[in-house]
Amino acid sequence: PQKGVECWVWLQPAENVTRDPSIIPQTGKAHEERWKKGLWGSRAHRLCPATFLGEYPDGQFVSVKQQRGENTFKVKHGLVLVWYEGLLVLEALMRTDSCNDCIWFQDVQDIIKKEKAQRTISASLYLNKKLLEAAVTGPRFVTREGQIVCHRRSSLRDAEAPAENEAPPLGWYKVERFLEYLPPWEAFVHPKCGLYQDFYLVQWGAPHAKESYSDLQEGSEDHPHATWEPDECFPDDLDSLRVSAKKRWLESETQKEKLAKEKASETLARHPSNEADVSEQKRKRSASSAGLDAEKQRAKVYCKDLVYSNLEHGLIDVETSHTNAEVKIVEEKIKTGWPKEESDYPSGYGPADPPGCCFANCSCMEDWHLGSEQLTNGGRMPWQDDVQRERSVRMAWEAFKSAQMHTIRGTVTGL
């Protein structure tokens, strides 16, 4: 990250002390002890929003400052996440039941909710751009050449996996294939993983291919002859298997996100504020058409609707119009039903910020809204009193006006 940008740092759950979420217990006893206490994932680690201050001269450590506090940390690169990747962790945690019991998540859930209201958080997009040809691994991954890599290994090898030997070296096991892949943010919250590394569901080769591992802590009920394993357990000779598994996950995740987006659109279309019976709409249009005819002569320009050819649109001065009470009622309903808090918006949507949510007496949703002075009807937004911002906006506006590449609104119609 660049100096001054937002980021995340890994800490212990209840203390402002850094903790590496990718470390595997070094002994079987330590592993069993940790498993009994459930010290995995969000129970053993937390994400803290921070600001990136810079890198130390040695290149191994960086400095970050806690956003919601005064603590400054000197940490290794691997304990800092870019802002977007941290959002993916929080989003993955939101989809689990454990988020309700995760105390530290309650402190940052406002961040992910605000981000999701303003934009779509796409795991497939991030992985495709940042991690498809890279590995999120442990703090000491040893490459084929003997080089030690910490946490992130870029430029995965594109060579095929090595030919199978009759017998693997002592302490090594044959890998048949990688059945599934989990990105680190999903593995972190997965009950079979719990570390911040890439994880793979491994189909083991002979002589372990027929053994059942479904009852093990890292076993899979769907694939009894396979187990979930972190990235650092596999040599870089298997990079081709890594990339293939990631591509399959990417294809599946892209399709899931597409379906979720379509479902969200359908839900929004059925939302009470958007749902209307077609016949009822026709009845209302028919009932109001006679009254609105009287207003037509007051509009200076009328244009046919692009969808409904029997409808026309025109600008009427509603504020001074007293000839049709129904127009007033319709306009008042628009104002009353307009969302005025973030919770009023459908899931995944929110107001532009600035200006932010409307006040109770805002009229900005009306066609006849006149400008910023109308905002004083319900209160003032904080950015309205920002003198520097106002000056910058005015300069940009004047520069745009002088560009002479446009027609100012109203010069043709006179409105």
Protein backbone atom coordinates (compact mmCIF):
# COMPACT_ATOMS: atom_id res chain seq x y z
CA PRO A 1 0.00 0.00 0.00
CA GLN A 2 1.01 3.62 -0.45
CA LYS A 3 1.59 5.92 2.50
CA GLY A 4 -1.63 7.26 3.98
CA VAL A 5 -3.99 4.68 2.45
CA GLU A 6 -6.39 2.54 4.45
CA CYS A 7 -5.43 -1.05 5.20
CA TRP A 8 -5.97 -3.80 7.79
CA VAL A 9 -3.61 -5.33 10.34
CA TRP A 10 -3.92 -8.72 12.06
CA LEU A 11 -4.10 -8.57 15.87
CA GLN A 12 -5.02 -10.79 18.79
CA PRO A 13 -8.77 -10.82 19.55
CA ALA A 14 -8.70 -8.91 22.83
CA GLU A 15 -5.33 -7.15 22.82
CA ASN A 16 -3.56 -4.66 20.58
CA VAL A 17 -0.80 -7.17 19.86
CA THR A 18 -0.07 -8.47 16.38
CA ARG A 19 -0.67 -12.15 15.58
CA ASP A 20 0.05 -14.05 12.36
CA PRO A 21 -3.15 -15.83 11.15
CA SER A 22 -1.24 -18.12 8.78
CA ILE A 23 0.99 -19.96 11.28
CA ILE A 24 0.51 -23.73 11.57
CA PRO A 25 1.14 -25.31 15.01
CA GLN A 26 4.63 -26.81 14.93
CA THR A 27 3.89 -30.02 16.86
CA GLY A 28 1.05 -32.49 17.02
CA LYS A 29 0.51 -31.68 20.69
CA ALA A 30 0.29 -27.96 19.98
CA HIS A 31 -2.17 -28.68 17.19
CA GLU A 32 -4.42 -30.80 19.42
CA GLU A 33 -4.32 -28.23 22.20
CA ARG A 34 -5.23 -25.45 19.84
CA TRP A 35 -8.04 -27.49 18.30
CA LYS A 36 -9.56 -28.29 21.71
CA LYS A 37 -9.65 -24.60 22.60
CA GLY A 38 -11.03 -23.68 19.18
CA LEU A 39 -8.31 -21.08 18.62
CA TRP A 40 -8.75 -20.85 14.86
CA GLY A 41 -10.05 -18.22 12.51
CA SER A 42 -11.92 -15.31 14.07
CA ARG A 43 -11.61 -16.74 17.61
CA ALA A 44 -7.84 -16.42 17.53
CA HIS A 45 -7.31 -13.43 15.24
CA ARG A 46 -8.99 -10.14 14.42
CA LEU A 47 -8.73 -7.54 11.71
CA CYS A 48 -8.13 -3.96 12.78
CA PRO A 49 -8.61 -1.02 10.39
CA ALA A 50 -5.39 0.93 10.05
CA THR A 51 -3.53 3.53 8.01
CA PHE A 52 -0.33 2.58 6.21
CA LEU A 53 2.56 4.81 7.33
CA GLY A 54 5.45 3.38 5.32
CA GLU A 55 8.12 0.71 5.00
CA TYR A 56 11.21 0.29 7.16
CA PRO A 57 14.64 0.47 5.48
CA ASP A 58 15.21 -3.28 5.85
CA GLY A 59 12.23 -3.92 3.54
CA GLN A 60 10.89 -6.67 5.81
CA PHE A 61 8.73 -4.58 8.12
CA VAL A 62 6.14 -1.84 7.66
CA SER A 63 4.53 0.67 9.99
CA VAL A 64 0.77 1.06 10.36
CA LYS A 65 -1.37 3.16 12.69
CA GLN A 66 -4.62 1.97 14.20
CA GLN A 67 -7.58 3.98 12.85
CA ARG A 68 -9.79 3.66 15.91
CA GLY A 69 -7.05 4.23 18.46
CA GLU A 70 -3.56 5.67 18.86
CA ASN A 71 -1.47 2.48 18.55
CA THR A 72 1.24 2.20 15.92
CA PHE A 73 2.54 -1.24 14.91
CA LYS A 74 5.75 -2.47 13.33
CA VAL A 75 4.76 -5.63 11.47
CA LYS A 76 5.84 -7.86 8.64
CA HIS A 77 4.26 -7.29 5.24
CA GLY A 78 2.21 -10.46 5.61
CA LEU A 79 0.29 -9.14 8.61
CA VAL A 80 -1.11 -6.23 6.60
CA LEU A 81 -3.98 -6.65 4.14
CA VAL A 82 -4.99 -4.16 1.48
CA TRP A 83 -8.38 -2.62 2.22
CA TYR A 84 -10.36 -4.57 -0.38
CA GLU A 85 -9.02 -7.95 0.73
CA GLY A 86 -9.94 -7.15 4.32
CA LEU A 87 -13.49 -6.43 3.18
CA LEU A 88 -13.58 -9.90 1.62
CA VAL A 89 -12.66 -11.37 5.01
CA LEU A 90 -15.46 -9.46 6.75
CA GLU A 91 -17.96 -10.40 4.06
CA ALA A 92 -17.03 -14.09 4.37
CA LEU A 93 -17.40 -13.83 8.15
CA MET A 94 -20.83 -12.21 7.75
CA ARG A 95 -22.07 -15.34 5.97
CA THR A 96 -21.26 -17.57 8.94
CA ASP A 97 -23.08 -18.12 12.22
CA SER A 98 -19.89 -17.37 14.15
CA CYS A 99 -20.12 -13.66 13.30
CA ASN A 100 -22.88 -13.31 15.91
CA ASP A 101 -20.48 -14.47 18.64
CA CYS A 102 -17.45 -12.62 17.27
CA ILE A 103 -17.00 -9.58 19.53
CA TRP A 104 -14.43 -7.81 17.38
CA PHE A 105 -16.63 -8.17 14.29
CA GLN A 106 -19.29 -6.07 16.00
CA ASP A 107 -16.74 -3.25 16.18
CA VAL A 108 -16.12 -3.20 12.41
CA GLN A 109 -19.40 -4.38 10.93
CA ASP A 110 -20.39 -0.79 10.23
CA ILE A 111 -17.45 -0.59 7.83
CA ILE A 112 -18.43 -3.60 5.72
CA LYS A 113 -22.11 -2.58 5.72
CA LYS A 114 -21.26 0.90 4.48
CA GLU A 115 -18.89 -0.49 1.82
CA LYS A 116 -21.49 -2.99 0.58
CA ALA A 117 -24.09 -0.24 0.39
CA GLN A 118 -21.80 1.81 -1.85
CA ARG A 119 -20.31 -0.86 -4.10
CA THR A 120 -20.24 -4.56 -4.92
CA ILE A 121 -17.54 -6.59 -3.15
CA SER A 122 -16.48 -9.22 -5.70
CA ALA A 123 -14.26 -12.10 -4.60
CA SER A 124 -13.94 -13.42 -8.16
CA LEU A 125 -12.79 -10.06 -9.49
CA TYR A 126 -10.14 -9.69 -6.80
CA LEU A 127 -8.81 -13.22 -7.14
CA ASN A 128 -8.67 -12.96 -10.92
CA LYS A 129 -6.63 -9.76 -10.73
CA LYS A 130 -4.45 -10.39 -7.69
CA LEU A 131 -4.21 -14.07 -6.72
CA LEU A 132 -4.78 -16.25 -9.78
CA GLU A 133 -1.04 -16.40 -10.49
CA ALA A 134 0.04 -15.97 -6.86
CA ALA A 135 -0.10 -18.03 -3.68
CA VAL A 136 -1.14 -16.92 -0.19
CA THR A 137 1.02 -19.16 1.95
CA GLY A 138 2.69 -19.38 5.37
CA PRO A 139 5.44 -17.26 6.95
CA ARG A 140 8.28 -19.56 5.74
CA PHE A 141 7.64 -21.20 2.39
CA VAL A 142 10.79 -22.77 0.89
CA THR A 143 10.97 -22.83 -2.92
CA ARG A 144 12.67 -25.41 -5.09
CA GLU A 145 15.77 -23.21 -5.18
CA GLY A 146 15.86 -22.95 -1.39
CA GLN A 147 14.55 -19.37 -1.25
CA ILE A 148 12.37 -18.49 1.75
CA VAL A 149 9.14 -16.63 0.87
CA CYS A 150 6.93 -15.01 3.49
CA HIS A 151 3.12 -15.09 3.14
CA ARG A 152 2.85 -14.19 -0.57
CA ARG A 153 4.48 -15.96 -3.49
CA SER A 154 3.96 -14.39 -6.90
CA SER A 155 4.56 -15.72 -10.43
CA LEU A 156 3.58 -19.34 -9.89
CA ARG A 157 5.41 -21.85 -12.07
CA ASP A 158 3.64 -22.78 -15.29
CA ALA A 159 5.47 -26.13 -15.69
CA GLU A 160 3.56 -29.37 -15.38
CA ALA A 161 3.71 -31.33 -12.14
CA PRO A 162 6.76 -33.64 -11.93
CA ALA A 163 6.50 -37.26 -13.03
CA GLU A 164 5.38 -39.71 -10.37
CA ASN A 165 8.14 -41.61 -8.57
CA GLU A 166 7.81 -45.15 -7.32
CA ALA A 167 8.16 -44.08 -3.70
CA PRO A 168 8.12 -40.51 -2.34
CA PRO A 169 10.90 -39.39 0.02
CA LEU A 170 10.43 -40.00 3.72
CA GLY A 171 7.87 -37.59 5.14
CA TRP A 172 6.30 -36.84 1.74
CA TYR A 173 3.00 -38.13 0.37
CA LYS A 174 1.71 -38.51 -3.16
CA VAL A 175 -0.91 -36.05 -4.36
CA GLU A 176 -3.37 -37.35 -6.92
CA ARG A 177 -5.06 -33.99 -7.57
CA PHE A 178 -6.60 -30.91 -6.01
CA LEU A 179 -10.37 -31.40 -5.91
CA GLU A 180 -11.35 -27.95 -4.63
CA TYR A 181 -9.84 -24.61 -3.70
CA LEU A 182 -10.63 -22.01 -1.04
CA PRO A 183 -9.21 -18.47 -1.17
CA PRO A 184 -7.67 -17.30 2.13
CA TRP A 185 -10.67 -15.25 3.28
CA GLU A 186 -12.96 -18.27 2.85
CA ALA A 187 -10.44 -20.65 4.45
CA PHE A 188 -10.12 -18.31 7.44
CA VAL A 189 -13.80 -18.79 8.36
CA HIS A 190 -14.10 -22.43 7.21
CA PRO A 191 -14.52 -24.92 10.11
CA LYS A 192 -12.01 -27.33 8.52
CA CYS A 193 -9.33 -24.70 7.89
CA GLY A 194 -9.13 -21.63 10.14
CA LEU A 195 -5.84 -20.20 8.81
CA TYR A 196 -5.23 -17.31 6.45
CA GLN A 197 -3.71 -19.26 3.57
CA ASP A 198 -4.90 -20.70 0.29
CA PHE A 199 -6.44 -24.09 1.05
CA TYR A 200 -6.91 -27.13 -1.20
CA LEU A 201 -9.02 -30.24 -0.85
CA VAL A 202 -6.42 -32.88 -1.68
CA GLN A 203 -7.11 -36.29 -3.18
CA TRP A 204 -4.17 -38.36 -1.93
CA GLY A 205 -2.35 -40.89 -4.09
CA ALA A 206 -1.36 -44.46 -3.35
CA PRO A 207 -0.96 -46.02 -0.86
CA HIS A 208 -3.37 -43.63 0.93
CA ALA A 209 -5.89 -43.20 -1.89
CA LYS A 210 -8.50 -45.56 -0.41
CA GLU A 211 -8.29 -44.51 3.21
CA SER A 212 -11.19 -42.57 4.69
CA TYR A 213 -10.39 -39.26 6.34
CA SER A 214 -13.96 -37.99 6.79
CA ASP A 215 -13.77 -38.27 10.59
CA LEU A 216 -10.58 -36.25 10.85
CA GLN A 217 -10.57 -32.57 11.82
CA GLU A 218 -9.49 -31.64 8.28
CA GLY A 219 -11.57 -34.34 6.55
CA SER A 220 -14.46 -33.91 4.12
CA GLU A 221 -17.81 -35.67 4.30
CA ASP A 222 -18.35 -35.22 0.55
CA HIS A 223 -14.89 -36.57 -0.33
CA PRO A 224 -13.90 -39.16 2.31
CA HIS A 225 -10.50 -39.88 0.68
CA ALA A 226 -9.45 -36.23 0.71
CA THR A 227 -8.43 -33.62 3.31
CA TRP A 228 -8.21 -29.82 3.45
CA GLU A 229 -4.59 -28.66 3.53
CA PRO A 230 -2.92 -25.20 3.56
CA ASP A 231 -0.78 -23.97 0.70
CA GLU A 232 2.56 -24.21 2.50
CA CYS A 233 2.23 -28.01 2.70
CA PHE A 234 2.82 -28.38 -1.05
CA PRO A 235 6.03 -27.70 -2.98
CA ASP A 236 6.07 -25.20 -5.83
CA ASP A 237 6.41 -28.19 -8.21
CA LEU A 238 2.61 -28.44 -7.88
CA ASP A 239 1.92 -24.88 -9.02
CA SER A 240 0.11 -26.11 -12.12
CA LEU A 241 -2.36 -27.93 -9.86
CA ARG A 242 -2.78 -24.76 -7.82
CA VAL A 243 -3.62 -22.65 -10.86
CA SER A 244 -6.04 -25.25 -12.25
CA ALA A 245 -7.92 -25.44 -8.95
CA LYS A 246 -8.10 -21.65 -8.73
CA LYS A 247 -9.47 -21.38 -12.26
CA ARG A 248 -12.23 -23.87 -11.46
CA TRP A 249 -13.14 -21.93 -8.32
CA LEU A 250 -13.08 -18.67 -10.28
CA GLU A 251 -15.47 -20.01 -12.88
CA SER A 252 -17.85 -21.31 -10.21
CA GLU A 253 -17.66 -18.14 -8.10
CA THR A 254 -18.26 -15.90 -11.11
CA GLN A 255 -21.43 -17.85 -11.88
CA LYS A 256 -22.56 -17.66 -8.23
CA GLU A 257 -22.06 -13.90 -8.14
CA LYS A 258 -23.96 -13.52 -11.41
CA LEU A 259 -26.92 -15.51 -10.07
CA ALA A 260 -26.83 -13.57 -6.78
CA LYS A 261 -26.90 -10.29 -8.68
CA GLU A 262 -29.87 -11.45 -10.76
CA LYS A 263 -31.67 -12.60 -7.61
CA ALA A 264 -31.00 -9.25 -5.95
CA SER A 265 -32.43 -7.47 -8.98
CA GLU A 266 -35.55 -9.63 -8.82
CA THR A 267 -35.89 -8.94 -5.10
CA LEU A 268 -35.53 -5.22 -5.72
CA ALA A 269 -38.18 -5.41 -8.44
CA ARG A 270 -40.55 -7.09 -5.96
CA HIS A 271 -39.76 -4.60 -3.20
CA PRO A 272 -42.93 -2.92 -1.85
CA SER A 273 -41.67 0.47 -2.99
CA ASN A 274 -41.23 -0.81 -6.56
CA GLU A 275 -43.96 -3.42 -6.91
CA ALA A 276 -47.17 -2.38 -8.68
CA ASP A 277 -49.89 -4.27 -10.40
CA VAL A 278 -49.96 -3.51 -14.14
CA SER A 279 -53.73 -3.30 -14.28
CA GLU A 280 -53.74 -0.94 -11.31
CA GLN A 281 -51.18 1.26 -13.05
CA LYS A 282 -53.35 1.38 -16.14
CA ARG A 283 -56.40 2.28 -14.05
CA LYS A 284 -54.56 5.10 -12.32
CA ARG A 285 -53.21 6.44 -15.61
CA SER A 286 -56.69 6.37 -17.10
CA ALA A 287 -58.25 8.07 -14.07
CA SER A 288 -55.68 10.81 -13.92
CA SER A 289 -55.29 11.45 -17.66
CA ALA A 290 -58.37 13.66 -17.82
CA GLY A 291 -57.20 15.84 -14.97
CA LEU A 292 -53.66 16.04 -16.29
CA ASP A 293 -54.89 17.20 -19.70
CA ALA A 294 -55.60 20.51 -18.03
CA GLU A 295 -51.95 20.74 -17.02
CA LYS A 296 -50.58 19.94 -20.49
CA GLN A 297 -51.10 23.43 -21.74
CA ARG A 298 -48.97 24.73 -18.87
CA ALA A 299 -45.95 22.61 -19.90
CA LYS A 300 -43.60 24.26 -22.37
CA VAL A 301 -42.26 20.99 -23.85
CA TYR A 302 -43.77 17.50 -24.05
CA CYS A 303 -42.01 14.34 -25.22
CA LYS A 304 -43.32 10.81 -25.74
CA ASP A 305 -42.26 8.12 -23.29
CA LEU A 306 -39.60 5.77 -24.68
CA VAL A 307 -41.39 2.68 -23.34
CA TYR A 308 -45.09 3.57 -23.21
CA SER A 309 -46.02 5.39 -26.42
CA ASN A 310 -49.35 6.52 -24.97
CA LEU A 311 -47.60 8.54 -22.28
CA GLU A 312 -45.97 11.94 -22.53
CA HIS A 313 -43.66 13.82 -20.19
CA GLY A 314 -43.47 17.53 -19.55
CA LEU A 315 -42.16 19.99 -16.98
CA ILE A 316 -44.86 21.58 -14.83
CA ASP A 317 -44.26 24.13 -12.11
CA VAL A 318 -45.71 21.97 -9.34
CA GLU A 319 -44.89 24.47 -6.61
CA THR A 320 -47.34 27.01 -8.03
CA SER A 321 -49.81 24.61 -9.63
CA HIS A 322 -53.20 24.57 -7.90
CA THR A 323 -55.37 23.32 -10.77
CA ASN A 324 -54.91 19.65 -10.08
CA ALA A 325 -54.92 18.33 -6.51
CA GLU A 326 -53.96 14.84 -7.67
CA VAL A 327 -50.61 16.09 -8.91
CA LYS A 328 -49.94 17.44 -5.43
CA ILE A 329 -50.90 14.12 -3.83
CA VAL A 330 -48.63 12.11 -6.14
CA GLU A 331 -45.69 14.44 -5.50
CA GLU A 332 -46.26 14.21 -1.74
CA LYS A 333 -46.26 10.40 -1.91
CA ILE A 334 -42.92 10.48 -3.69
CA LYS A 335 -41.48 12.62 -0.91
CA THR A 336 -43.00 10.51 1.88
CA GLY A 337 -41.88 7.18 0.42
CA TRP A 338 -38.36 8.32 -0.41
CA PRO A 339 -35.68 6.51 1.68
CA LYS A 340 -34.24 8.74 4.39
CA GLU A 341 -32.01 6.27 6.25
CA GLU A 342 -29.54 3.65 5.04
CA SER A 343 -31.80 0.93 6.47
CA ASP A 344 -34.58 2.07 4.10
CA TYR A 345 -32.60 0.93 1.06
CA PRO A 346 -32.71 -2.64 -0.28
CA SER A 347 -29.77 -4.84 0.67
CA GLY A 348 -26.68 -3.92 -1.33
CA TYR A 349 -27.86 -0.42 -2.19
CA GLY A 350 -27.49 2.96 -0.57
CA PRO A 351 -27.42 6.70 -1.17
CA ALA A 352 -24.66 8.57 -2.92
CA ASP A 353 -22.32 10.06 -0.33
CA PRO A 354 -22.16 13.00 -0.66
CA PRO A 355 -24.87 14.11 -0.43
CA GLY A 356 -25.90 11.21 1.83
CA CYS A 357 -29.40 10.32 3.02
CA CYS A 358 -32.24 12.82 2.61
CA PHE A 359 -33.74 14.74 5.52
CA ALA A 360 -37.44 14.45 6.31
CA ASN A 361 -38.25 17.67 4.44
CA CYS A 362 -35.90 17.25 1.48
CA SER A 363 -37.29 18.03 -1.95
CA CYS A 364 -34.30 16.86 -3.99
CA MET A 365 -36.23 13.87 -5.34
CA GLU A 366 -38.69 16.18 -7.09
CA ASP A 367 -38.36 17.14 -10.76
CA TRP A 368 -38.71 20.80 -9.83
CA HIS A 369 -35.89 20.79 -7.26
CA LEU A 370 -34.08 24.09 -7.64
CA GLY A 371 -30.65 23.56 -6.14
CA SER A 372 -28.55 23.45 -2.97
CA GLU A 373 -30.58 26.10 -1.18
CA GLN A 374 -33.42 23.60 -0.97
CA LEU A 375 -31.33 21.49 1.42
CA THR A 376 -31.89 24.02 4.18
CA ASN A 377 -35.52 22.90 4.38
CA GLY A 378 -34.58 19.81 6.35
CA GLY A 379 -31.14 20.65 7.71
CA ARG A 380 -27.63 21.10 6.42
CA MET A 381 -25.25 18.42 5.22
CA PRO A 382 -21.71 18.59 6.67
CA TRP A 383 -20.16 19.07 3.24
CA GLN A 384 -22.26 22.19 2.64
CA ASP A 385 -20.12 24.07 5.16
CA ASP A 386 -16.81 22.93 3.67
CA VAL A 387 -15.46 26.20 2.25
CA GLN A 388 -12.54 24.55 0.48
CA ARG A 389 -14.80 22.01 -1.15
CA GLU A 390 -17.20 24.72 -2.28
CA ARG A 391 -14.33 26.71 -3.76
CA SER A 392 -12.98 23.63 -5.60
CA VAL A 393 -16.43 22.77 -6.97
CA ARG A 394 -16.94 26.32 -8.18
CA MET A 395 -13.55 26.38 -9.94
CA ALA A 396 -14.25 23.03 -11.62
CA TRP A 397 -17.68 24.26 -12.68
CA GLU A 398 -16.35 27.47 -14.18
CA ALA A 399 -13.61 25.57 -16.01
CA PHE A 400 -16.19 23.18 -17.46
CA LYS A 401 -18.43 26.07 -18.56
CA SER A 402 -15.56 27.74 -20.38
CA ALA A 403 -14.65 24.54 -22.26
CA GLN A 404 -17.26 25.38 -24.96
CA MET A 405 -17.93 21.74 -25.72
CA HIS A 406 -21.49 21.62 -24.47
CA THR A 407 -24.86 23.35 -24.48
CA ILE A 408 -26.01 24.78 -21.17
CA ARG A 409 -29.36 23.38 -20.09
CA GLY A 410 -32.24 25.69 -20.92
CA THR A 411 -30.63 27.60 -23.80
CA VAL A 412 -32.76 25.66 -26.32
CA THR A 413 -36.04 25.13 -24.47
CA GLY A 414 -35.89 28.32 -22.43
CA LEU A 415 -36.76 26.36 -19.27
